[in-house]
């Protein structure tokens, strides 16, 4: 894209953001000025005004999303949408926010020590003996590394150079190679599939679980998410791999298998023997995973329970402690803007829910659409498909989570459905932002290799989203009903 087109697009986006900001302010004023509807509390009306304002501002982005959250947190007690400012200001201290901070520190620790790179190179060199084997190795690498590198962008940044080396050795030409298209497109997709399996792999999923626990009184954590999401992630990945391999008709006799393996082995050798820092990082992560996996036995073993959030904070502390840890605080890449945004999202969402505003709006929506007469199974399928394909409209995972998950919980409660299984099922689809390059940084990194174009990603991405929607729907009616 040339400079003129880029500037034109930037101006167009800026104009749209400005219009969105004006609409948000006008709607806030209109809702605040109108009489309180019958059946709605005054606090509900005020929280609706802030919720509407924040939602439009988050989507249109005339200012950064964290600044919108700050404004919303200030407005909640100021206009009387909540009775105590601690209700709004206290969200930054939620345990879920601490889980996010810990996840950022753990990701930084893995990147700083090269443990993630060593693990990825080891898996690819051991398993990638043929072109098909290489594709399978990259799938497995995405899934395994997701546990140790809880960041979508960090995993993509780790694997894209490996993918590029493989394709160069196989002498694949960007834009012409079917093998190159499939490898890079499945890199995008398997990053998302693996992310959906591990709650800490994206902050949007942590945000979603926080809403579910807060609104339903549940105490779901790392293992509940993993057990719930693992089957759909594996099945979806397997089906998309088989279909993609047949669609692109990749030859299994491409030249360069042995050469690519030797080049990657050299990169692995260049890392040298596993360092003391890597060993300590690995030990911390093993302890973390063990504590998360054995949460139901803590009381029996220790006499007290260590929650998901406490485990994460303990791991963060171990990563930072002198002589024990592997990283200094100043090197931890903590996205504070995302922390502030999440705190604002919780504050606005909880105020809207607790004031009865959400129930009032959802009740009206149910009546208008006739959802109360629909079969609950059909409603569930509609919600699951909506949660996945909504990324075509709202590209931000965190914004979509803020819009969808509280709405789904309230809707389920209004219809008499169990809110936990359907909200969890819809949350598993939040990470599937895989249809267009601008939808995530992961997409952009892989798109930058030049092996696929926008139409390639759109076609295979929509197909993958369809498969994921069907798979999650089937899991909702079977597996999720058993474990939740």
Protein backbone atom coordinates (compact mmCIF):
# COMPACT_ATOMS: atom_id res chain seq x y z
CA UNK A 1 0.00 0.00 0.00
CA UNK A 2 1.52 3.35 -1.05
CA UNK A 3 1.85 6.38 1.22
CA UNK A 4 -1.15 8.18 -0.36
CA UNK A 5 -3.50 5.28 0.22
CA UNK A 6 -2.21 4.82 3.78
CA UNK A 7 -2.80 8.51 4.55
CA UNK A 8 -6.29 8.38 3.02
CA UNK A 9 -7.17 5.30 5.05
CA UNK A 10 -5.80 6.94 8.22
CA UNK A 11 -7.94 10.05 7.64
CA UNK A 12 -11.00 7.90 7.00
CA UNK A 13 -10.44 5.91 10.20
CA UNK A 14 -9.86 9.14 12.13
CA UNK A 15 -13.11 10.61 10.83
CA UNK A 16 -15.02 7.48 11.81
CA UNK A 17 -13.50 7.58 15.30
CA UNK A 18 -14.52 11.23 15.73
CA UNK A 19 -18.10 10.49 14.64
CA UNK A 20 -18.19 7.54 17.06
CA UNK A 21 -17.04 9.78 19.91
CA UNK A 22 -19.72 12.38 19.13
CA UNK A 23 -22.43 9.69 18.99
CA UNK A 24 -21.24 8.26 22.32
CA UNK A 25 -21.48 11.65 24.06
CA UNK A 26 -24.88 12.48 22.54
CA UNK A 27 -26.36 9.11 23.54
CA UNK A 28 -25.00 9.54 27.06
CA UNK A 29 -26.75 12.92 27.34
CA UNK A 30 -29.99 11.58 25.81
CA UNK A 31 -30.18 8.58 28.15
CA UNK A 32 -29.35 10.68 31.21
CA UNK A 33 -32.03 13.25 30.24
CA UNK A 34 -34.87 10.86 29.46
CA UNK A 35 -37.44 9.81 32.10
CA UNK A 36 -36.57 6.59 33.91
CA UNK A 37 -38.47 3.77 32.15
CA UNK A 38 -41.04 1.89 34.22
CA UNK A 39 -39.43 -1.13 35.83
CA UNK A 40 -35.90 0.31 35.69
CA UNK A 41 -34.13 1.89 38.65
CA UNK A 42 -32.55 5.34 38.45
CA UNK A 43 -29.15 3.68 39.00
CA UNK A 44 -29.96 1.32 36.13
CA UNK A 45 -30.65 4.24 33.79
CA UNK A 46 -27.42 6.00 34.79
CA UNK A 47 -25.35 2.82 34.41
CA UNK A 48 -26.99 2.26 31.00
CA UNK A 49 -25.87 5.74 29.95
CA UNK A 50 -22.27 5.03 30.97
CA UNK A 51 -22.34 1.53 29.50
CA UNK A 52 -23.59 2.85 26.12
CA UNK A 53 -21.04 5.67 26.13
CA UNK A 54 -18.14 3.33 26.98
CA UNK A 55 -19.19 0.68 24.49
CA UNK A 56 -19.28 3.06 21.53
CA UNK A 57 -16.02 4.71 22.62
CA UNK A 58 -14.26 1.33 22.97
CA UNK A 59 -15.41 0.26 19.51
CA UNK A 60 -14.82 3.54 17.62
CA UNK A 61 -11.65 4.48 19.58
CA UNK A 62 -11.56 8.27 19.29
CA UNK A 63 -9.28 8.02 22.35
CA UNK A 64 -7.35 4.97 23.64
CA UNK A 65 -9.60 2.37 25.27
CA UNK A 66 -7.89 2.68 28.66
CA UNK A 67 -8.73 6.41 28.74
CA UNK A 68 -12.39 5.60 28.12
CA UNK A 69 -12.21 3.20 31.07
CA UNK A 70 -10.74 5.93 33.31
CA UNK A 71 -13.57 8.31 32.33
CA UNK A 72 -16.15 5.58 33.01
CA UNK A 73 -14.69 4.74 36.43
CA UNK A 74 -14.82 8.44 37.36
CA UNK A 75 -18.41 8.85 36.11
CA UNK A 76 -19.88 5.85 37.95
CA UNK A 77 -19.74 7.36 41.47
CA UNK A 78 -19.85 10.96 40.21
CA UNK A 79 -23.36 10.70 38.68
CA UNK A 80 -24.65 8.18 41.22
CA UNK A 81 -24.65 5.01 39.08
CA UNK A 82 -23.01 3.31 42.09
CA UNK A 83 -23.46 4.33 45.70
CA UNK A 84 -19.85 3.89 46.80
CA UNK A 85 -16.79 4.86 44.76
CA UNK A 86 -15.00 1.77 46.09
CA UNK A 87 -17.31 -0.35 43.90
CA UNK A 88 -15.86 1.37 40.82
CA UNK A 89 -12.30 2.12 41.96
CA UNK A 90 -11.84 -1.28 43.58
CA UNK A 91 -12.00 -3.23 40.30
CA UNK A 92 -8.29 -2.68 39.68
CA UNK A 93 -7.72 -4.89 42.72
CA UNK A 94 -9.85 -7.80 41.44
CA UNK A 95 -8.11 -11.17 41.61
CA UNK A 96 -8.57 -11.55 37.86
CA UNK A 97 -6.53 -8.39 37.28
CA UNK A 98 -3.73 -9.92 39.34
CA UNK A 99 -3.91 -13.03 37.16
CA UNK A 100 -3.38 -10.82 34.10
CA UNK A 101 -0.36 -9.09 35.64
CA UNK A 102 1.16 -12.45 36.59
CA UNK A 103 0.60 -13.82 33.07
CA UNK A 104 2.50 -10.86 31.57
CA UNK A 105 5.42 -11.43 33.95
CA UNK A 106 5.50 -15.17 33.17
CA UNK A 107 5.51 -14.45 29.42
CA UNK A 108 8.36 -11.97 29.86
CA UNK A 109 10.32 -14.57 31.84
CA UNK A 110 10.00 -17.15 29.07
CA UNK A 111 11.04 -14.66 26.38
CA UNK A 112 13.98 -13.39 28.42
CA UNK A 113 15.43 -16.88 28.98
CA UNK A 114 14.96 -18.29 25.43
CA UNK A 115 13.16 -21.29 26.93
CA UNK A 116 10.23 -20.88 24.52
CA UNK A 117 12.51 -20.73 21.47
CA UNK A 118 14.42 -23.82 22.60
CA UNK A 119 11.19 -25.74 23.14
CA UNK A 120 9.79 -24.73 19.72
CA UNK A 121 12.97 -25.62 17.85
CA UNK A 122 13.25 -28.96 19.66
CA UNK A 123 9.71 -29.98 18.74
CA UNK A 124 10.02 -28.95 15.07
CA UNK A 125 13.39 -30.65 14.52
CA UNK A 126 12.27 -33.87 16.21
CA UNK A 127 8.94 -34.18 14.39
CA UNK A 128 9.33 -32.30 11.08
CA UNK A 129 10.87 -35.01 8.88
CA UNK A 130 8.49 -34.52 5.91
CA UNK A 131 6.32 -31.62 4.69
CA UNK A 132 3.24 -33.19 6.28
CA UNK A 133 5.25 -33.98 9.40
CA UNK A 134 6.44 -30.38 9.51
CA UNK A 135 2.86 -29.09 9.44
CA UNK A 136 1.89 -31.49 12.23
CA UNK A 137 5.00 -30.50 14.21
CA UNK A 138 4.05 -26.82 13.99
CA UNK A 139 0.51 -27.62 15.21
CA UNK A 140 1.88 -29.54 18.20
CA UNK A 141 4.42 -26.80 18.86
CA UNK A 142 1.66 -24.18 19.02
CA UNK A 143 -0.31 -26.30 21.48
CA UNK A 144 2.63 -27.21 23.72
CA UNK A 145 4.22 -23.74 23.74
CA UNK A 146 0.82 -22.18 24.62
CA UNK A 147 1.24 -23.53 28.16
CA UNK A 148 4.68 -21.95 28.55
CA UNK A 149 4.26 -18.77 26.51
CA UNK A 150 0.87 -17.34 27.53
CA UNK A 151 0.80 -14.64 24.85
CA UNK A 152 -0.55 -14.93 21.32
CA UNK A 153 1.84 -12.32 19.92
CA UNK A 154 4.90 -13.76 21.70
CA UNK A 155 4.17 -17.22 20.28
CA UNK A 156 3.74 -15.84 16.78
CA UNK A 157 6.96 -13.84 17.08
CA UNK A 158 8.67 -17.04 18.19
CA UNK A 159 7.35 -19.28 15.40
CA UNK A 160 7.20 -16.97 12.34
CA UNK A 161 11.03 -16.93 11.92
CA UNK A 162 11.06 -20.75 12.13
CA UNK A 163 8.28 -20.99 9.54
CA UNK A 164 10.16 -18.58 7.24
CA UNK A 165 13.36 -20.64 7.45
CA UNK A 166 11.47 -23.84 6.67
CA UNK A 167 9.77 -22.36 3.61
CA UNK A 168 12.98 -20.80 2.29
CA UNK A 169 14.79 -24.13 2.55
CA UNK A 170 11.86 -25.86 0.81
CA UNK A 171 12.37 -23.23 -1.92
CA UNK A 172 8.78 -22.02 -1.68
CA UNK A 173 7.98 -18.70 -3.39
CA UNK A 174 5.84 -16.20 -1.41
CA UNK A 175 2.46 -15.64 -3.06
CA UNK A 176 2.77 -18.75 -5.29
CA UNK A 177 3.46 -21.66 -2.98
CA UNK A 178 0.44 -23.70 -1.85
CA UNK A 179 2.58 -25.24 0.88
CA UNK A 180 3.62 -21.77 2.04
CA UNK A 181 0.01 -20.58 2.12
CA UNK A 182 -1.11 -23.58 4.13
CA UNK A 183 1.78 -23.44 6.61
CA UNK A 184 1.37 -19.72 7.36
CA UNK A 185 -2.46 -19.78 7.41
CA UNK A 186 -2.47 -22.74 9.75
CA UNK A 187 0.10 -20.91 11.86
CA UNK A 188 -2.48 -18.14 12.32
CA UNK A 189 -5.27 -20.58 13.05
CA UNK A 190 -3.43 -22.94 15.40
CA UNK A 191 -2.22 -19.97 17.40
CA UNK A 192 -5.91 -19.17 18.00
CA UNK A 193 -6.94 -22.79 18.62
CA UNK A 194 -4.15 -23.28 21.17
CA UNK A 195 -4.99 -19.93 22.77
CA UNK A 196 -8.62 -20.98 23.32
CA UNK A 197 -7.37 -23.94 25.33
CA UNK A 198 -5.23 -22.04 27.89
CA UNK A 199 -7.03 -19.28 29.81
CA UNK A 200 -3.88 -17.21 30.41
CA UNK A 201 -2.98 -17.25 26.68
CA UNK A 202 -4.94 -14.03 26.15
CA UNK A 203 -6.20 -11.47 28.65
CA UNK A 204 -9.66 -11.48 27.01
CA UNK A 205 -10.23 -15.02 28.28
CA UNK A 206 -9.19 -14.03 31.80
CA UNK A 207 -11.65 -11.14 31.52
CA UNK A 208 -14.39 -13.52 30.34
CA UNK A 209 -13.89 -15.92 33.25
CA UNK A 210 -13.93 -13.00 35.66
CA UNK A 211 -17.36 -11.93 34.37
CA UNK A 212 -18.69 -15.50 34.58
CA UNK A 213 -17.48 -16.03 38.15
CA UNK A 214 -18.65 -12.59 39.29
CA UNK A 215 -22.12 -12.84 37.74
CA UNK A 216 -22.89 -16.50 38.51
CA UNK A 217 -21.14 -16.93 41.84
CA UNK A 218 -18.92 -19.65 40.37
CA UNK A 219 -15.28 -20.24 41.25
CA UNK A 220 -13.96 -21.62 37.96
CA UNK A 221 -10.24 -21.49 37.32
CA UNK A 222 -7.38 -22.64 35.11
CA UNK A 223 -8.16 -26.37 35.09
CA UNK A 224 -11.90 -25.95 34.57
CA UNK A 225 -11.18 -23.81 31.52
CA UNK A 226 -8.59 -26.28 30.19
CA UNK A 227 -10.86 -29.31 30.64
CA UNK A 228 -13.78 -27.50 29.04
CA UNK A 229 -11.91 -26.11 26.03
CA UNK A 230 -9.32 -28.79 25.26
CA UNK A 231 -11.63 -31.14 23.26
CA UNK A 232 -12.98 -28.42 20.95
CA UNK A 233 -9.51 -26.96 20.37
CA UNK A 234 -7.96 -30.32 19.43
CA UNK A 235 -10.89 -31.50 17.29
CA UNK A 236 -11.15 -28.17 15.46
CA UNK A 237 -7.41 -28.07 14.80
CA UNK A 238 -7.41 -31.65 13.48
CA UNK A 239 -10.38 -31.09 11.16
CA UNK A 240 -9.02 -27.80 9.81
CA UNK A 241 -5.62 -29.43 9.18
CA UNK A 242 -7.16 -32.35 7.24
CA UNK A 243 -9.44 -30.11 5.18
CA UNK A 244 -6.69 -27.55 4.50
CA UNK A 245 -4.23 -30.26 3.43
CA UNK A 246 -6.74 -31.67 0.95
CA UNK A 247 -7.81 -28.25 -0.33
CA UNK A 248 -4.25 -27.11 -1.05
CA UNK A 249 -3.12 -30.54 -2.35
CA UNK A 250 0.35 -30.25 -0.86
CA UNK A 251 2.87 -32.70 -2.29
CA UNK A 252 4.57 -34.79 0.37
CA UNK A 253 7.77 -35.08 -1.68
CA UNK A 254 8.91 -31.45 -1.63
CA UNK A 255 12.68 -31.14 -1.72
CA UNK A 256 14.54 -29.70 1.20
CA UNK A 257 13.32 -31.75 4.20
CA UNK A 258 16.78 -32.80 5.37
CA UNK A 259 18.31 -29.38 4.67
CA UNK A 260 15.60 -27.53 6.65
CA UNK A 261 16.05 -29.89 9.55
CA UNK A 262 19.81 -29.32 9.64
CA UNK A 263 19.42 -25.51 9.54
CA UNK A 264 16.96 -25.53 12.44
CA UNK A 265 19.17 -27.96 14.35
CA UNK A 266 22.03 -25.49 13.93
CA UNK A 267 19.82 -22.72 15.37
CA UNK A 268 19.08 -25.03 18.29
CA UNK A 269 22.77 -25.81 18.72
CA UNK A 270 23.59 -22.09 18.62
CA UNK A 271 21.52 -21.64 21.78
CA UNK A 272 24.12 -23.78 23.52
CA UNK A 273 23.50 -26.00 26.53
CA UNK A 274 20.38 -25.22 28.52
CA UNK A 275 21.28 -22.38 30.86
CA UNK A 276 20.67 -22.06 34.58
CA UNK A 277 18.11 -19.32 33.88
CA UNK A 278 16.19 -21.61 31.51
CA UNK A 279 16.25 -24.42 34.07
CA UNK A 280 14.89 -22.10 36.75
CA UNK A 281 12.20 -20.78 34.38
CA UNK A 282 11.21 -24.34 33.47
CA UNK A 283 11.07 -25.34 37.15
CA UNK A 284 8.82 -22.35 37.97
CA UNK A 285 6.47 -23.22 35.12
CA UNK A 286 6.32 -26.89 36.10
CA UNK A 287 5.44 -25.87 39.67
CA UNK A 288 2.78 -23.49 38.31
CA UNK A 289 1.18 -26.11 36.06
CA UNK A 290 1.25 -28.74 38.83
CA UNK A 291 -0.47 -26.39 41.29
CA UNK A 292 -3.11 -25.49 38.70
CA UNK A 293 -3.65 -29.15 37.81
CA UNK A 294 -4.00 -30.35 41.42
CA UNK A 295 -6.23 -27.58 42.79
CA UNK A 296 -8.86 -30.05 44.05
CA UNK A 297 -6.30 -31.79 46.29
CA UNK A 298 -4.66 -28.78 47.95
CA UNK A 299 -6.93 -28.88 51.00
CA UNK A 300 -6.15 -32.54 51.55
CA UNK A 301 -2.39 -32.13 51.02
CA UNK A 302 -1.63 -28.75 52.57
CA UNK A 303 -4.64 -28.00 54.76
CA UNK A 304 -5.50 -24.97 52.62
CA UNK A 305 -6.37 -24.25 48.98
CA UNK A 306 -4.14 -22.30 46.59
CA UNK A 307 -6.39 -20.63 44.02
CA UNK A 308 -5.60 -20.11 40.33
CA UNK A 309 -4.83 -16.44 40.98
CA UNK A 310 -2.69 -17.16 44.04
CA UNK A 311 -0.69 -19.71 42.07
CA UNK A 312 -0.09 -17.17 39.30
CA UNK A 313 1.04 -14.49 41.77
CA UNK A 314 3.32 -17.02 43.53
CA UNK A 315 4.88 -17.90 40.17
CA UNK A 316 5.32 -14.21 39.39
CA UNK A 317 7.09 -13.74 42.71
CA UNK A 318 9.40 -16.70 42.04
CA UNK A 319 10.27 -15.24 38.62
CA UNK A 320 11.24 -11.92 40.25
CA UNK A 321 13.02 -13.04 43.44
CA UNK A 322 16.79 -12.43 43.56
CA UNK A 323 18.92 -15.58 42.97
CA UNK A 324 15.77 -17.67 42.48
CA UNK A 325 14.05 -15.73 39.73
CA UNK A 326 14.88 -15.20 36.08
CA UNK A 327 13.83 -11.62 35.35
CA UNK A 328 13.98 -8.14 36.84
CA UNK A 329 10.79 -6.13 37.40
CA UNK A 330 11.83 -3.41 34.94
CA UNK A 331 12.14 -6.03 32.17
CA UNK A 332 8.63 -7.38 32.73
CA UNK A 333 6.42 -6.29 29.84
CA UNK A 334 3.21 -5.53 31.75
CA UNK A 335 0.56 -3.88 29.60
CA UNK A 336 -0.82 -1.39 32.11
CA UNK A 337 -3.13 0.18 29.55
CA UNK A 338 -4.87 -3.19 29.25
CA UNK A 339 -5.07 -3.45 33.05
CA UNK A 340 -6.83 -0.08 33.24
CA UNK A 341 -9.15 -0.99 30.37
CA UNK A 342 -10.08 -4.29 32.08
CA UNK A 343 -10.73 -2.55 35.40
CA UNK A 344 -13.05 -0.10 33.63
CA UNK A 345 -14.80 -2.91 31.78
CA UNK A 346 -15.46 -4.72 35.07
CA UNK A 347 -16.63 -1.54 36.79
CA UNK A 348 -19.08 -0.58 34.02
CA UNK A 349 -20.27 -4.14 33.41
CA UNK A 350 -20.84 -4.89 37.09
CA UNK A 351 -22.62 -1.57 37.72
CA UNK A 352 -24.93 -2.19 34.75
CA UNK A 353 -25.67 -5.70 35.99
CA UNK A 354 -26.03 -4.96 39.72
CA UNK A 355 -28.32 -1.97 39.13
CA UNK A 356 -30.77 -4.13 37.19
CA UNK A 357 -30.13 -2.22 33.96
CA UNK A 358 -28.83 -5.29 32.11
CA UNK A 359 -31.79 -7.44 33.16
CA UNK A 360 -34.21 -4.73 32.00
CA UNK A 361 -32.58 -4.40 28.56
CA UNK A 362 -32.19 -8.16 28.06
CA UNK A 363 -35.80 -8.71 29.12
CA UNK A 364 -36.93 -6.27 26.44
CA UNK A 365 -34.68 -7.93 23.86
CA UNK A 366 -36.03 -11.38 24.70
CA UNK A 367 -39.61 -10.20 24.24
CA UNK A 368 -38.85 -8.30 21.02
CA UNK A 369 -37.07 -11.26 19.36
CA UNK A 370 -39.37 -13.92 20.78
CA UNK A 371 -36.41 -15.75 22.32
CA UNK A 372 -38.56 -16.97 25.22
CA UNK A 373 -40.48 -19.16 22.76
CA UNK A 374 -37.33 -20.60 21.15
CA UNK A 375 -35.82 -23.93 22.08
CA UNK A 376 -32.92 -23.35 24.51
CA UNK A 377 -30.66 -25.47 22.32
CA UNK A 378 -31.30 -23.21 19.32
CA UNK A 379 -30.58 -20.12 21.43
CA UNK A 380 -27.30 -21.68 22.55
CA UNK A 381 -26.19 -22.41 18.98
CA UNK A 382 -27.07 -18.86 17.87
CA UNK A 383 -25.01 -17.42 20.75
CA UNK A 384 -21.99 -19.67 20.01
CA UNK A 385 -21.98 -18.78 16.31
CA UNK A 386 -22.39 -15.09 17.23
CA UNK A 387 -19.46 -15.16 19.66
CA UNK A 388 -17.11 -16.53 16.99
CA UNK A 389 -18.24 -14.56 13.94
CA UNK A 390 -18.66 -11.28 15.87
CA UNK A 391 -14.93 -10.64 15.37
CA UNK A 392 -15.81 -9.62 11.81
CA UNK A 393 -17.46 -6.53 13.34
CA UNK A 394 -15.61 -6.00 16.63
CA UNK A 395 -11.96 -6.91 16.09
CA UNK A 396 -10.79 -6.35 19.68
CA UNK A 397 -11.06 -9.51 21.79
CA UNK A 398 -11.32 -7.54 25.02
CA UNK A 399 -14.11 -5.29 23.66
CA UNK A 400 -16.02 -8.30 22.34
CA UNK A 401 -15.67 -9.99 25.71
CA UNK A 402 -17.02 -6.92 27.49
CA UNK A 403 -19.99 -6.77 25.11
CA UNK A 404 -20.84 -10.45 24.80
CA UNK A 405 -20.12 -12.37 27.99
CA UNK A 406 -22.15 -10.29 30.51
CA UNK A 407 -24.98 -10.14 27.95
CA UNK A 408 -24.93 -13.91 27.44
CA UNK A 409 -24.93 -14.61 31.19
CA UNK A 410 -27.87 -12.25 31.78
CA UNK A 411 -29.76 -13.62 28.76
CA UNK A 412 -29.30 -17.21 29.93
CA UNK A 413 -30.51 -16.32 33.42
CA UNK A 414 -33.54 -14.52 31.95
CA UNK A 415 -34.46 -17.54 29.81
CA UNK A 416 -33.96 -20.03 32.64
CA UNK A 417 -30.85 -21.60 31.09
CA UNK A 418 -27.81 -22.62 33.10
CA UNK A 419 -25.54 -19.62 32.39
CA UNK A 420 -22.18 -21.27 33.09
CA UNK A 421 -21.97 -23.85 30.24
CA UNK A 422 -23.23 -21.45 27.55
CA UNK A 423 -21.07 -18.55 28.76
CA UNK A 424 -18.00 -20.82 28.84
CA UNK A 425 -18.79 -22.19 25.36
CA UNK A 426 -19.06 -18.67 23.96
CA UNK A 427 -15.87 -17.62 25.74
CA UNK A 428 -13.93 -20.41 23.99
CA UNK A 429 -14.67 -18.68 20.67
CA UNK A 430 -13.36 -15.26 21.71
CA UNK A 431 -9.81 -15.99 20.50
CA UNK A 432 -10.83 -16.98 16.95
CA UNK A 433 -9.91 -13.69 15.26
CA UNK A 434 -8.51 -15.44 12.20
CA UNK A 435 -10.27 -14.19 9.07
CA UNK A 436 -8.48 -10.93 8.17
CA UNK A 437 -4.94 -9.56 8.75
CA UNK A 438 -6.00 -6.51 10.86
CA UNK A 439 -7.93 -8.66 13.32
CA UNK A 440 -4.85 -9.37 15.46
CA UNK A 441 -1.10 -8.87 15.68
CA UNK A 442 -0.67 -12.60 15.09
CA UNK A 443 -2.42 -12.30 11.73
CA UNK A 444 -0.26 -9.33 10.79
CA UNK A 445 2.99 -11.15 11.64
CA UNK A 446 2.11 -14.14 9.47
CA UNK A 447 0.63 -11.95 6.72
CA UNK A 448 3.95 -10.11 6.60
CA UNK A 449 5.67 -13.26 5.30
CA UNK A 450 3.92 -12.69 1.95
CA UNK A 451 2.84 -16.30 1.48
CA UNK A 452 -0.92 -15.58 1.51
CA UNK A 453 -3.17 -12.69 0.57
CA UNK A 454 -6.31 -11.29 2.19
CA UNK A 455 -8.69 -13.49 0.17
CA UNK A 456 -6.72 -16.64 1.12
CA UNK A 457 -7.05 -15.85 4.82
CA UNK A 458 -10.71 -14.88 4.51
CA UNK A 459 -11.70 -18.13 2.77
CA UNK A 460 -9.85 -20.54 5.04
CA UNK A 461 -10.57 -18.38 8.09
CA UNK A 462 -14.34 -18.44 7.54
CA UNK A 463 -14.22 -22.20 7.00
CA UNK A 464 -12.22 -22.67 10.20
CA UNK A 465 -14.66 -20.46 12.13
CA UNK A 466 -17.58 -22.53 10.81
CA UNK A 467 -15.89 -25.76 11.90
CA UNK A 468 -15.08 -24.24 15.31
CA UNK A 469 -18.69 -23.06 15.77
CA UNK A 470 -20.07 -26.52 15.00
CA UNK A 471 -17.49 -28.23 17.21
CA UNK A 472 -18.12 -25.93 20.19
CA UNK A 473 -21.89 -26.35 19.74
CA UNK A 474 -21.51 -30.15 19.87
CA UNK A 475 -19.29 -29.84 22.95
CA UNK A 476 -21.91 -27.61 24.60
CA UNK A 477 -24.61 -30.27 24.27
CA UNK A 478 -22.33 -33.08 25.46
CA UNK A 479 -19.03 -32.51 27.27
CA UNK A 480 -19.78 -29.11 28.85
CA UNK A 481 -23.05 -30.38 30.34
CA UNK A 482 -21.04 -33.05 32.17
CA UNK A 483 -18.23 -30.93 33.60
CA UNK A 484 -20.09 -27.68 34.38
